[in-house]
Every structure is written in C-alpha cells, then in structure tokens.
Amino acid sequence: PFTYCTHNLSKSGAYIETDLPFLTHK
C-alpha cells in the first residue's frame, strides 16, 4: 500500500507525485 497526492487528473488518467521509483507497466 501507498498514499500520495495527485498533481493532475483526467477522465482517463492521473499524475501522482511520489518520491519512490516505480516501474512502468505495473
């Protein structure tokens, strides 16, 4: 589990601000 804040949002996606690295396609 993780909790972060969005930076922006649309009907199809979001940008989530995080200080951790994540892998694409997860």
mmCIF file of all heavy atoms, coordinates in Angstrom:
data_MODEL
# 
_entry.id   MODEL 
# 
loop_
_atom_site.group_PDB 
_atom_site.id 
_atom_site.type_symbol 
_atom_site.label_atom_id 
_atom_site.label_alt_id 
_atom_site.label_comp_id 
_atom_site.label_asym_id 
_atom_site.label_entity_id 
_atom_site.label_seq_id 
_atom_site.pdbx_PDB_ins_code 
_atom_site.Cartn_x 
_atom_site.Cartn_y 
_atom_site.Cartn_z 
_atom_site.occupancy 
_atom_site.B_iso_or_equiv 
_atom_site.pdbx_formal_charge 
_atom_site.auth_seq_id 
_atom_site.auth_comp_id 
_atom_site.auth_asym_id 
_atom_site.auth_atom_id 
_atom_site.pdbx_PDB_model_num 
ATOM 1   N N   . PRO A 1 1  ? 0.815   -1.222 0.000   1.00 0.00 ? 1  PRO A N   1 
ATOM 2   C CA  . PRO A 1 1  ? 0.000   0.000  0.000   1.00 0.00 ? 1  PRO A CA  1 
ATOM 3   C C   . PRO A 1 1  ? 0.851   1.276  0.000   1.00 0.00 ? 1  PRO A C   1 
ATOM 4   O O   . PRO A 1 1  ? 1.938   1.315  0.577   1.00 0.00 ? 1  PRO A O   1 
ATOM 5   C CB  . PRO A 1 1  ? -0.787  -0.119 1.306   1.00 0.00 ? 1  PRO A CB  1 
ATOM 6   C CG  . PRO A 1 1  ? 0.117   -0.910 2.212   1.00 0.00 ? 1  PRO A CG  1 
ATOM 7   C CD  . PRO A 1 1  ? 0.892   -1.854 1.311   1.00 0.00 ? 1  PRO A CD  1 
ATOM 8   N N   . PHE A 1 2  ? 0.329   2.306  -0.668  1.00 0.00 ? 2  PHE A N   1 
ATOM 9   C CA  . PHE A 1 2  ? 0.971   3.620  -0.734  1.00 0.00 ? 2  PHE A CA  1 
ATOM 10  C C   . PHE A 1 2  ? -0.107  4.695  -0.647  1.00 0.00 ? 2  PHE A C   1 
ATOM 11  O O   . PHE A 1 2  ? -1.249  4.463  -1.050  1.00 0.00 ? 2  PHE A O   1 
ATOM 12  C CB  . PHE A 1 2  ? 1.724   3.803  -2.064  1.00 0.00 ? 2  PHE A CB  1 
ATOM 13  C CG  . PHE A 1 2  ? 2.772   2.765  -2.322  1.00 0.00 ? 2  PHE A CG  1 
ATOM 14  C CD1 . PHE A 1 2  ? 2.475   1.629  -3.051  1.00 0.00 ? 2  PHE A CD1 1 
ATOM 15  C CD2 . PHE A 1 2  ? 4.056   2.931  -1.834  1.00 0.00 ? 2  PHE A CD2 1 
ATOM 16  C CE1 . PHE A 1 2  ? 3.438   0.660  -3.297  1.00 0.00 ? 2  PHE A CE1 1 
ATOM 17  C CE2 . PHE A 1 2  ? 5.031   1.963  -2.079  1.00 0.00 ? 2  PHE A CE2 1 
ATOM 18  C CZ  . PHE A 1 2  ? 4.719   0.825  -2.811  1.00 0.00 ? 2  PHE A CZ  1 
ATOM 19  N N   . THR A 1 3  ? 0.255   5.859  -0.147  1.00 0.00 ? 3  THR A N   1 
ATOM 20  C CA  . THR A 1 3  ? -0.626  7.018  -0.178  1.00 0.00 ? 3  THR A CA  1 
ATOM 21  C C   . THR A 1 3  ? 0.197   8.223  -0.617  1.00 0.00 ? 3  THR A C   1 
ATOM 22  O O   . THR A 1 3  ? 1.198   8.558  0.024   1.00 0.00 ? 3  THR A O   1 
ATOM 23  C CB  . THR A 1 3  ? -1.266  7.312  1.201   1.00 0.00 ? 3  THR A CB  1 
ATOM 24  O OG1 . THR A 1 3  ? -2.019  6.172  1.605   1.00 0.00 ? 3  THR A OG1 1 
ATOM 25  C CG2 . THR A 1 3  ? -2.177  8.527  1.134   1.00 0.00 ? 3  THR A CG2 1 
ATOM 26  N N   . TYR A 1 4  ? -0.222  8.823  -1.716  1.00 0.00 ? 4  TYR A N   1 
ATOM 27  C CA  . TYR A 1 4  ? 0.420   10.035 -2.239  1.00 0.00 ? 4  TYR A CA  1 
ATOM 28  C C   . TYR A 1 4  ? -0.674  10.957 -2.748  1.00 0.00 ? 4  TYR A C   1 
ATOM 29  O O   . TYR A 1 4  ? -1.855  10.622 -2.696  1.00 0.00 ? 4  TYR A O   1 
ATOM 30  C CB  . TYR A 1 4  ? 1.404   9.692  -3.369  1.00 0.00 ? 4  TYR A CB  1 
ATOM 31  C CG  . TYR A 1 4  ? 2.673   9.040  -2.884  1.00 0.00 ? 4  TYR A CG  1 
ATOM 32  C CD1 . TYR A 1 4  ? 2.835   7.664  -2.956  1.00 0.00 ? 4  TYR A CD1 1 
ATOM 33  C CD2 . TYR A 1 4  ? 3.704   9.799  -2.340  1.00 0.00 ? 4  TYR A CD2 1 
ATOM 34  C CE1 . TYR A 1 4  ? 3.995   7.058  -2.499  1.00 0.00 ? 4  TYR A CE1 1 
ATOM 35  C CE2 . TYR A 1 4  ? 4.861   9.205  -1.880  1.00 0.00 ? 4  TYR A CE2 1 
ATOM 36  C CZ  . TYR A 1 4  ? 5.004   7.835  -1.964  1.00 0.00 ? 4  TYR A CZ  1 
ATOM 37  O OH  . TYR A 1 4  ? 6.158   7.247  -1.507  1.00 0.00 ? 4  TYR A OH  1 
ATOM 38  N N   . CYS A 1 5  ? -0.292  12.109 -3.280  1.00 0.00 ? 5  CYS A N   1 
ATOM 39  C CA  . CYS A 1 5  ? -1.269  13.054 -3.829  1.00 0.00 ? 5  CYS A CA  1 
ATOM 40  C C   . CYS A 1 5  ? -1.152  13.136 -5.337  1.00 0.00 ? 5  CYS A C   1 
ATOM 41  O O   . CYS A 1 5  ? -0.055  13.042 -5.892  1.00 0.00 ? 5  CYS A O   1 
ATOM 42  C CB  . CYS A 1 5  ? -1.058  14.457 -3.244  1.00 0.00 ? 5  CYS A CB  1 
ATOM 43  S SG  . CYS A 1 5  ? -1.665  14.603 -1.572  1.00 0.00 ? 5  CYS A SG  1 
ATOM 44  N N   . THR A 1 6  ? -2.294  13.336 -5.960  1.00 0.00 ? 6  THR A N   1 
ATOM 45  C CA  . THR A 1 6  ? -2.278  13.565 -7.393  1.00 0.00 ? 6  THR A CA  1 
ATOM 46  C C   . THR A 1 6  ? -1.783  14.978 -7.659  1.00 0.00 ? 6  THR A C   1 
ATOM 47  O O   . THR A 1 6  ? -1.901  15.859 -6.802  1.00 0.00 ? 6  THR A O   1 
ATOM 48  C CB  . THR A 1 6  ? -3.676  13.405 -8.017  1.00 0.00 ? 6  THR A CB  1 
ATOM 49  O OG1 . THR A 1 6  ? -4.553  14.371 -7.438  1.00 0.00 ? 6  THR A OG1 1 
ATOM 50  C CG2 . THR A 1 6  ? -4.228  12.009 -7.823  1.00 0.00 ? 6  THR A CG2 1 
ATOM 51  N N   . HIS A 1 7  ? -1.249  15.180 -8.815  1.00 0.00 ? 7  HIS A N   1 
ATOM 52  C CA  . HIS A 1 7  ? -0.851  16.511 -9.275  1.00 0.00 ? 7  HIS A CA  1 
ATOM 53  C C   . HIS A 1 7  ? -1.888  17.020 -10.274 1.00 0.00 ? 7  HIS A C   1 
ATOM 54  O O   . HIS A 1 7  ? -2.238  18.187 -10.281 1.00 0.00 ? 7  HIS A O   1 
ATOM 55  C CB  . HIS A 1 7  ? 0.532   16.450 -9.924  1.00 0.00 ? 7  HIS A CB  1 
ATOM 56  C CG  . HIS A 1 7  ? 1.009   17.750 -10.469 1.00 0.00 ? 7  HIS A CG  1 
ATOM 57  N ND1 . HIS A 1 7  ? 1.443   18.765 -9.657  1.00 0.00 ? 7  HIS A ND1 1 
ATOM 58  C CD2 . HIS A 1 7  ? 1.102   18.207 -11.729 1.00 0.00 ? 7  HIS A CD2 1 
ATOM 59  C CE1 . HIS A 1 7  ? 1.786   19.795 -10.407 1.00 0.00 ? 7  HIS A CE1 1 
ATOM 60  N NE2 . HIS A 1 7  ? 1.590   19.482 -11.672 1.00 0.00 ? 7  HIS A NE2 1 
ATOM 61  N N   . ASN A 1 8  ? -2.358  16.093 -11.111 1.00 0.00 ? 8  ASN A N   1 
ATOM 62  C CA  . ASN A 1 8  ? -3.434  16.417 -12.034 1.00 0.00 ? 8  ASN A CA  1 
ATOM 63  C C   . ASN A 1 8  ? -4.220  15.149 -12.323 1.00 0.00 ? 8  ASN A C   1 
ATOM 64  O O   . ASN A 1 8  ? -3.781  14.050 -12.008 1.00 0.00 ? 8  ASN A O   1 
ATOM 65  C CB  . ASN A 1 8  ? -2.912  17.073 -13.318 1.00 0.00 ? 8  ASN A CB  1 
ATOM 66  C CG  . ASN A 1 8  ? -1.946  16.210 -14.075 1.00 0.00 ? 8  ASN A CG  1 
ATOM 67  O OD1 . ASN A 1 8  ? -2.160  15.026 -14.276 1.00 0.00 ? 8  ASN A OD1 1 
ATOM 68  N ND2 . ASN A 1 8  ? -0.845  16.806 -14.518 1.00 0.00 ? 8  ASN A ND2 1 
ATOM 69  N N   . LEU A 1 9  ? -5.396  15.351 -12.925 1.00 0.00 ? 9  LEU A N   1 
ATOM 70  C CA  . LEU A 1 9  ? -6.327  14.251 -13.095 1.00 0.00 ? 9  LEU A CA  1 
ATOM 71  C C   . LEU A 1 9  ? -7.150  14.488 -14.339 1.00 0.00 ? 9  LEU A C   1 
ATOM 72  O O   . LEU A 1 9  ? -7.483  15.639 -14.662 1.00 0.00 ? 9  LEU A O   1 
ATOM 73  C CB  . LEU A 1 9  ? -7.233  14.219 -11.858 1.00 0.00 ? 9  LEU A CB  1 
ATOM 74  C CG  . LEU A 1 9  ? -8.138  13.053 -11.593 1.00 0.00 ? 9  LEU A CG  1 
ATOM 75  C CD1 . LEU A 1 9  ? -7.346  11.782 -11.341 1.00 0.00 ? 9  LEU A CD1 1 
ATOM 76  C CD2 . LEU A 1 9  ? -9.004  13.363 -10.382 1.00 0.00 ? 9  LEU A CD2 1 
ATOM 77  N N   . SER A 1 10 ? -7.460  13.423 -15.056 1.00 0.00 ? 10 SER A N   1 
ATOM 78  C CA  . SER A 1 10 ? -8.394  13.492 -16.173 1.00 0.00 ? 10 SER A CA  1 
ATOM 79  C C   . SER A 1 10 ? -9.319  12.293 -16.076 1.00 0.00 ? 10 SER A C   1 
ATOM 80  O O   . SER A 1 10 ? -9.178  11.451 -15.189 1.00 0.00 ? 10 SER A O   1 
ATOM 81  C CB  . SER A 1 10 ? -7.656  13.491 -17.519 1.00 0.00 ? 10 SER A CB  1 
ATOM 82  O OG  . SER A 1 10 ? -7.233  12.191 -17.851 1.00 0.00 ? 10 SER A OG  1 
ATOM 83  N N   . LYS A 1 11 ? -10.237 12.188 -17.010 1.00 0.00 ? 11 LYS A N   1 
ATOM 84  C CA  . LYS A 1 11 ? -11.140 11.038 -17.017 1.00 0.00 ? 11 LYS A CA  1 
ATOM 85  C C   . LYS A 1 11 ? -10.384 9.741  -17.281 1.00 0.00 ? 11 LYS A C   1 
ATOM 86  O O   . LYS A 1 11 ? -10.822 8.678  -16.888 1.00 0.00 ? 11 LYS A O   1 
ATOM 87  C CB  . LYS A 1 11 ? -12.220 11.222 -18.087 1.00 0.00 ? 11 LYS A CB  1 
ATOM 88  C CG  . LYS A 1 11 ? -13.209 12.322 -17.762 1.00 0.00 ? 11 LYS A CG  1 
ATOM 89  C CD  . LYS A 1 11 ? -14.226 12.482 -18.856 1.00 0.00 ? 11 LYS A CD  1 
ATOM 90  C CE  . LYS A 1 11 ? -15.177 11.316 -18.828 1.00 0.00 ? 11 LYS A CE  1 
ATOM 91  N NZ  . LYS A 1 11 ? -16.381 11.500 -19.623 1.00 0.00 ? 11 LYS A NZ  1 
ATOM 92  N N   . SER A 1 12 ? -9.226  9.842  -17.936 1.00 0.00 ? 12 SER A N   1 
ATOM 93  C CA  . SER A 1 12 ? -8.517  8.631  -18.339 1.00 0.00 ? 12 SER A CA  1 
ATOM 94  C C   . SER A 1 12 ? -7.210  8.365  -17.588 1.00 0.00 ? 12 SER A C   1 
ATOM 95  O O   . SER A 1 12 ? -6.601  7.326  -17.777 1.00 0.00 ? 12 SER A O   1 
ATOM 96  C CB  . SER A 1 12 ? -8.221  8.677  -19.834 1.00 0.00 ? 12 SER A CB  1 
ATOM 97  O OG  . SER A 1 12 ? -7.403  9.796  -20.139 1.00 0.00 ? 12 SER A OG  1 
ATOM 98  N N   . GLY A 1 13 ? -6.791  9.291  -16.730 1.00 0.00 ? 13 GLY A N   1 
ATOM 99  C CA  . GLY A 1 13 ? -5.532  9.060  -16.035 1.00 0.00 ? 13 GLY A CA  1 
ATOM 100 C C   . GLY A 1 13 ? -5.191  10.143 -15.034 1.00 0.00 ? 13 GLY A C   1 
ATOM 101 O O   . GLY A 1 13 ? -5.953  11.092 -14.841 1.00 0.00 ? 13 GLY A O   1 
ATOM 102 N N   . ALA A 1 14 ? -4.040  9.991  -14.420 1.00 0.00 ? 14 ALA A N   1 
ATOM 103 C CA  . ALA A 1 14 ? -3.597  10.946 -13.403 1.00 0.00 ? 14 ALA A CA  1 
ATOM 104 C C   . ALA A 1 14 ? -2.081  10.950 -13.343 1.00 0.00 ? 14 ALA A C   1 
ATOM 105 O O   . ALA A 1 14 ? -1.416  10.008 -13.770 1.00 0.00 ? 14 ALA A O   1 
ATOM 106 C CB  . ALA A 1 14 ? -4.158  10.568 -12.037 1.00 0.00 ? 14 ALA A CB  1 
ATOM 107 N N   . TYR A 1 15 ? -1.553  12.036 -12.796 1.00 0.00 ? 15 TYR A N   1 
ATOM 108 C CA  . TYR A 1 15 ? -0.140  12.101 -12.456 1.00 0.00 ? 15 TYR A CA  1 
ATOM 109 C C   . TYR A 1 15 ? -0.084  12.147 -10.937 1.00 0.00 ? 15 TYR A C   1 
ATOM 110 O O   . TYR A 1 15 ? -0.716  12.993 -10.302 1.00 0.00 ? 15 TYR A O   1 
ATOM 111 C CB  . TYR A 1 15 ? 0.523   13.337 -13.060 1.00 0.00 ? 15 TYR A CB  1 
ATOM 112 C CG  . TYR A 1 15 ? 2.006   13.376 -12.770 1.00 0.00 ? 15 TYR A CG  1 
ATOM 113 C CD1 . TYR A 1 15 ? 2.887   12.618 -13.522 1.00 0.00 ? 15 TYR A CD1 1 
ATOM 114 C CD2 . TYR A 1 15 ? 2.510   14.136 -11.729 1.00 0.00 ? 15 TYR A CD2 1 
ATOM 115 C CE1 . TYR A 1 15 ? 4.250   12.628 -13.258 1.00 0.00 ? 15 TYR A CE1 1 
ATOM 116 C CE2 . TYR A 1 15 ? 3.863   14.153 -11.453 1.00 0.00 ? 15 TYR A CE2 1 
ATOM 117 C CZ  . TYR A 1 15 ? 4.727   13.400 -12.214 1.00 0.00 ? 15 TYR A CZ  1 
ATOM 118 O OH  . TYR A 1 15 ? 6.068   13.400 -11.943 1.00 0.00 ? 15 TYR A OH  1 
ATOM 119 N N   . ILE A 1 16 ? 0.638   11.212 -10.351 1.00 0.00 ? 16 ILE A N   1 
ATOM 120 C CA  . ILE A 1 16 ? 0.736   11.096 -8.896  1.00 0.00 ? 16 ILE A CA  1 
ATOM 121 C C   . ILE A 1 16 ? 2.155   11.455 -8.476  1.00 0.00 ? 16 ILE A C   1 
ATOM 122 O O   . ILE A 1 16 ? 3.123   10.881 -8.965  1.00 0.00 ? 16 ILE A O   1 
ATOM 123 C CB  . ILE A 1 16 ? 0.399   9.660  -8.441  1.00 0.00 ? 16 ILE A CB  1 
ATOM 124 C CG1 . ILE A 1 16 ? -1.023  9.287  -8.897  1.00 0.00 ? 16 ILE A CG1 1 
ATOM 125 C CG2 . ILE A 1 16 ? 0.553   9.525  -6.932  1.00 0.00 ? 16 ILE A CG2 1 
ATOM 126 C CD1 . ILE A 1 16 ? -1.357  7.808  -8.726  1.00 0.00 ? 16 ILE A CD1 1 
ATOM 127 N N   . GLU A 1 17 ? 2.247   12.434 -7.582  1.00 0.00 ? 17 GLU A N   1 
ATOM 128 C CA  . GLU A 1 17 ? 3.551   12.858 -7.077  1.00 0.00 ? 17 GLU A CA  1 
ATOM 129 C C   . GLU A 1 17 ? 4.047   11.817 -6.080  1.00 0.00 ? 17 GLU A C   1 
ATOM 130 O O   . GLU A 1 17 ? 3.322   11.432 -5.161  1.00 0.00 ? 17 GLU A O   1 
ATOM 131 C CB  . GLU A 1 17 ? 3.448   14.223 -6.414  1.00 0.00 ? 17 GLU A CB  1 
ATOM 132 C CG  . GLU A 1 17 ? 3.069   15.316 -7.384  1.00 0.00 ? 17 GLU A CG  1 
ATOM 133 C CD  . GLU A 1 17 ? 2.810   16.649 -6.706  1.00 0.00 ? 17 GLU A CD  1 
ATOM 134 O OE1 . GLU A 1 17 ? 2.435   16.671 -5.512  1.00 0.00 ? 17 GLU A OE1 1 
ATOM 135 O OE2 . GLU A 1 17 ? 2.973   17.678 -7.381  1.00 0.00 ? 17 GLU A OE2 1 
ATOM 136 N N   . THR A 1 18 ? 5.267   11.345 -6.269  1.00 0.00 ? 18 THR A N   1 
ATOM 137 C CA  . THR A 1 18 ? 5.852   10.359 -5.372  1.00 0.00 ? 18 THR A CA  1 
ATOM 138 C C   . THR A 1 18 ? 7.376   10.499 -5.375  1.00 0.00 ? 18 THR A C   1 
ATOM 139 O O   . THR A 1 18 ? 7.956   10.898 -6.376  1.00 0.00 ? 18 THR A O   1 
ATOM 140 C CB  . THR A 1 18 ? 5.452   8.920  -5.771  1.00 0.00 ? 18 THR A CB  1 
ATOM 141 O OG1 . THR A 1 18 ? 6.179   7.991  -4.964  1.00 0.00 ? 18 THR A OG1 1 
ATOM 142 C CG2 . THR A 1 18 ? 5.727   8.630  -7.222  1.00 0.00 ? 18 THR A CG2 1 
ATOM 143 N N   . ASP A 1 19 ? 7.962   10.184 -4.257  1.00 0.00 ? 19 ASP A N   1 
ATOM 144 C CA  . ASP A 1 19 ? 9.419   10.234 -4.167  1.00 0.00 ? 19 ASP A CA  1 
ATOM 145 C C   . ASP A 1 19 ? 10.041  8.844  -4.334  1.00 0.00 ? 19 ASP A C   1 
ATOM 146 O O   . ASP A 1 19 ? 11.248  8.682  -4.255  1.00 0.00 ? 19 ASP A O   1 
ATOM 147 C CB  . ASP A 1 19 ? 9.859   10.845 -2.835  1.00 0.00 ? 19 ASP A CB  1 
ATOM 148 C CG  . ASP A 1 19 ? 9.251   10.142 -1.635  1.00 0.00 ? 19 ASP A CG  1 
ATOM 149 O OD1 . ASP A 1 19 ? 8.389   9.251  -1.824  1.00 0.00 ? 19 ASP A OD1 1 
ATOM 150 O OD2 . ASP A 1 19 ? 9.619   10.478 -0.503  1.00 0.00 ? 19 ASP A OD2 1 
ATOM 151 N N   . LEU A 1 20 ? 9.208   7.839  -4.600  1.00 0.00 ? 20 LEU A N   1 
ATOM 152 C CA  . LEU A 1 20 ? 9.704   6.482  -4.810  1.00 0.00 ? 20 LEU A CA  1 
ATOM 153 C C   . LEU A 1 20 ? 9.732   6.142  -6.297  1.00 0.00 ? 20 LEU A C   1 
ATOM 154 O O   . LEU A 1 20 ? 8.850   6.559  -7.038  1.00 0.00 ? 20 LEU A O   1 
ATOM 155 C CB  . LEU A 1 20 ? 8.808   5.468  -4.087  1.00 0.00 ? 20 LEU A CB  1 
ATOM 156 C CG  . LEU A 1 20 ? 8.791   5.533  -2.571  1.00 0.00 ? 20 LEU A CG  1 
ATOM 157 C CD1 . LEU A 1 20 ? 7.772   4.543  -2.015  1.00 0.00 ? 20 LEU A CD1 1 
ATOM 158 C CD2 . LEU A 1 20 ? 10.177  5.223  -2.014  1.00 0.00 ? 20 LEU A CD2 1 
ATOM 159 N N   . PRO A 1 21 ? 10.697  5.345  -6.709  1.00 0.00 ? 21 PRO A N   1 
ATOM 160 C CA  . PRO A 1 21 ? 10.712  4.919  -8.114  1.00 0.00 ? 21 PRO A CA  1 
ATOM 161 C C   . PRO A 1 21 ? 9.751   3.746  -8.324  1.00 0.00 ? 21 PRO A C   1 
ATOM 162 O O   . PRO A 1 21 ? 9.677   2.834  -7.501  1.00 0.00 ? 21 PRO A O   1 
ATOM 163 C CB  . PRO A 1 21 ? 12.159  4.482  -8.328  1.00 0.00 ? 21 PRO A CB  1 
ATOM 164 C CG  . PRO A 1 21 ? 12.613  4.031  -6.977  1.00 0.00 ? 21 PRO A CG  1 
ATOM 165 C CD  . PRO A 1 21 ? 11.877  4.896  -5.979  1.00 0.00 ? 21 PRO A CD  1 
ATOM 166 N N   . PHE A 1 22 ? 8.995   3.798  -9.392  1.00 0.00 ? 22 PHE A N   1 
ATOM 167 C CA  . PHE A 1 22 ? 8.102   2.705  -9.753  1.00 0.00 ? 22 PHE A CA  1 
ATOM 168 C C   . PHE A 1 22 ? 8.403   2.307  -11.194 1.00 0.00 ? 22 PHE A C   1 
ATOM 169 O O   . PHE A 1 22 ? 8.924   3.108  -11.972 1.00 0.00 ? 22 PHE A O   1 
ATOM 170 C CB  . PHE A 1 22 ? 6.635   3.144  -9.640  1.00 0.00 ? 22 PHE A CB  1 
ATOM 171 C CG  . PHE A 1 22 ? 6.174   3.350  -8.228  1.00 0.00 ? 22 PHE A CG  1 
ATOM 172 C CD1 . PHE A 1 22 ? 6.156   4.624  -7.671  1.00 0.00 ? 22 PHE A CD1 1 
ATOM 173 C CD2 . PHE A 1 22 ? 5.750   2.277  -7.459  1.00 0.00 ? 22 PHE A CD2 1 
ATOM 174 C CE1 . PHE A 1 22 ? 5.723   4.821  -6.371  1.00 0.00 ? 22 PHE A CE1 1 
ATOM 175 C CE2 . PHE A 1 22 ? 5.325   2.469  -6.147  1.00 0.00 ? 22 PHE A CE2 1 
ATOM 176 C CZ  . PHE A 1 22 ? 5.304   3.746  -5.607  1.00 0.00 ? 22 PHE A CZ  1 
ATOM 177 N N   . LEU A 1 23 ? 8.039   1.097  -11.549 1.00 0.00 ? 23 LEU A N   1 
ATOM 178 C CA  . LEU A 1 23 ? 8.274   0.592  -12.893 1.00 0.00 ? 23 LEU A CA  1 
ATOM 179 C C   . LEU A 1 23 ? 7.057   0.840  -13.778 1.00 0.00 ? 23 LEU A C   1 
ATOM 180 O O   . LEU A 1 23 ? 5.919   0.690  -13.324 1.00 0.00 ? 23 LEU A O   1 
ATOM 181 C CB  . LEU A 1 23 ? 8.567   -0.916 -12.861 1.00 0.00 ? 23 LEU A CB  1 
ATOM 182 C CG  . LEU A 1 23 ? 9.804   -1.342 -12.089 1.00 0.00 ? 23 LEU A CG  1 
ATOM 183 C CD1 . LEU A 1 23 ? 9.882   -2.861 -12.019 1.00 0.00 ? 23 LEU A CD1 1 
ATOM 184 C CD2 . LEU A 1 23 ? 11.058  -0.775 -12.738 1.00 0.00 ? 23 LEU A CD2 1 
ATOM 185 N N   . THR A 1 24 ? 7.306   1.187  -15.027 1.00 0.00 ? 24 THR A N   1 
ATOM 186 C CA  . THR A 1 24 ? 6.196   1.334  -15.959 1.00 0.00 ? 24 THR A CA  1 
ATOM 187 C C   . THR A 1 24 ? 5.562   -0.034 -16.209 1.00 0.00 ? 24 THR A C   1 
ATOM 188 O O   . THR A 1 24 ? 6.175   -1.066 -15.988 1.00 0.00 ? 24 THR A O   1 
ATOM 189 C CB  . THR A 1 24 ? 6.650   1.948  -17.304 1.00 0.00 ? 24 THR A CB  1 
ATOM 190 O OG1 . THR A 1 24 ? 7.674   1.140  -17.850 1.00 0.00 ? 24 THR A OG1 1 
ATOM 191 C CG2 . THR A 1 24 ? 7.128   3.370  -17.132 1.00 0.00 ? 24 THR A CG2 1 
ATOM 192 N N   . HIS A 1 25 ? 4.336   0.004  -16.646 1.00 0.00 ? 25 HIS A N   1 
ATOM 193 C CA  . HIS A 1 25 ? 3.513   -1.167 -16.980 1.00 0.00 ? 25 HIS A CA  1 
ATOM 194 C C   . HIS A 1 25 ? 3.001   -1.921 -15.763 1.00 0.00 ? 25 HIS A C   1 
ATOM 195 O O   . HIS A 1 25 ? 2.309   -2.918 -15.913 1.00 0.00 ? 25 HIS A O   1 
ATOM 196 C CB  . HIS A 1 25 ? 4.241   -2.130 -17.930 1.00 0.00 ? 25 HIS A CB  1 
ATOM 197 C CG  . HIS A 1 25 ? 4.769   -1.455 -19.154 1.00 0.00 ? 25 HIS A CG  1 
ATOM 198 N ND1 . HIS A 1 25 ? 3.949   -0.906 -20.114 1.00 0.00 ? 25 HIS A ND1 1 
ATOM 199 C CD2 . HIS A 1 25 ? 6.031   -1.203 -19.560 1.00 0.00 ? 25 HIS A CD2 1 
ATOM 200 C CE1 . HIS A 1 25 ? 4.675   -0.366 -21.057 1.00 0.00 ? 25 HIS A CE1 1 
ATOM 201 N NE2 . HIS A 1 25 ? 5.949   -0.521 -20.747 1.00 0.00 ? 25 HIS A NE2 1 
ATOM 202 N N   . LYS A 1 26 ? 3.336   -1.476 -14.547 1.00 0.00 ? 26 LYS A N   1 
ATOM 203 C CA  . LYS A 1 26 ? 2.813   -2.130 -13.351 1.00 0.00 ? 26 LYS A CA  1 
ATOM 204 C C   . LYS A 1 26 ? 1.347   -1.759 -13.178 1.00 0.00 ? 26 LYS A C   1 
ATOM 205 O O   . LYS A 1 26 ? 0.945   -0.621 -13.396 1.00 0.00 ? 26 LYS A O   1 
ATOM 206 C CB  . LYS A 1 26 ? 3.584   -1.698 -12.098 1.00 0.00 ? 26 LYS A CB  1 
ATOM 207 C CG  . LYS A 1 26 ? 4.931   -2.337 -11.958 1.00 0.00 ? 26 LYS A CG  1 
ATOM 208 C CD  . LYS A 1 26 ? 4.809   -3.816 -11.783 1.00 0.00 ? 26 LYS A CD  1 
ATOM 209 C CE  . LYS A 1 26 ? 5.599   -4.322 -10.630 1.00 0.00 ? 26 LYS A CE  1 
ATOM 210 N NZ  . LYS A 1 26 ? 5.393   -5.738 -10.396 1.00 0.00 ? 26 LYS A NZ  1 
# 
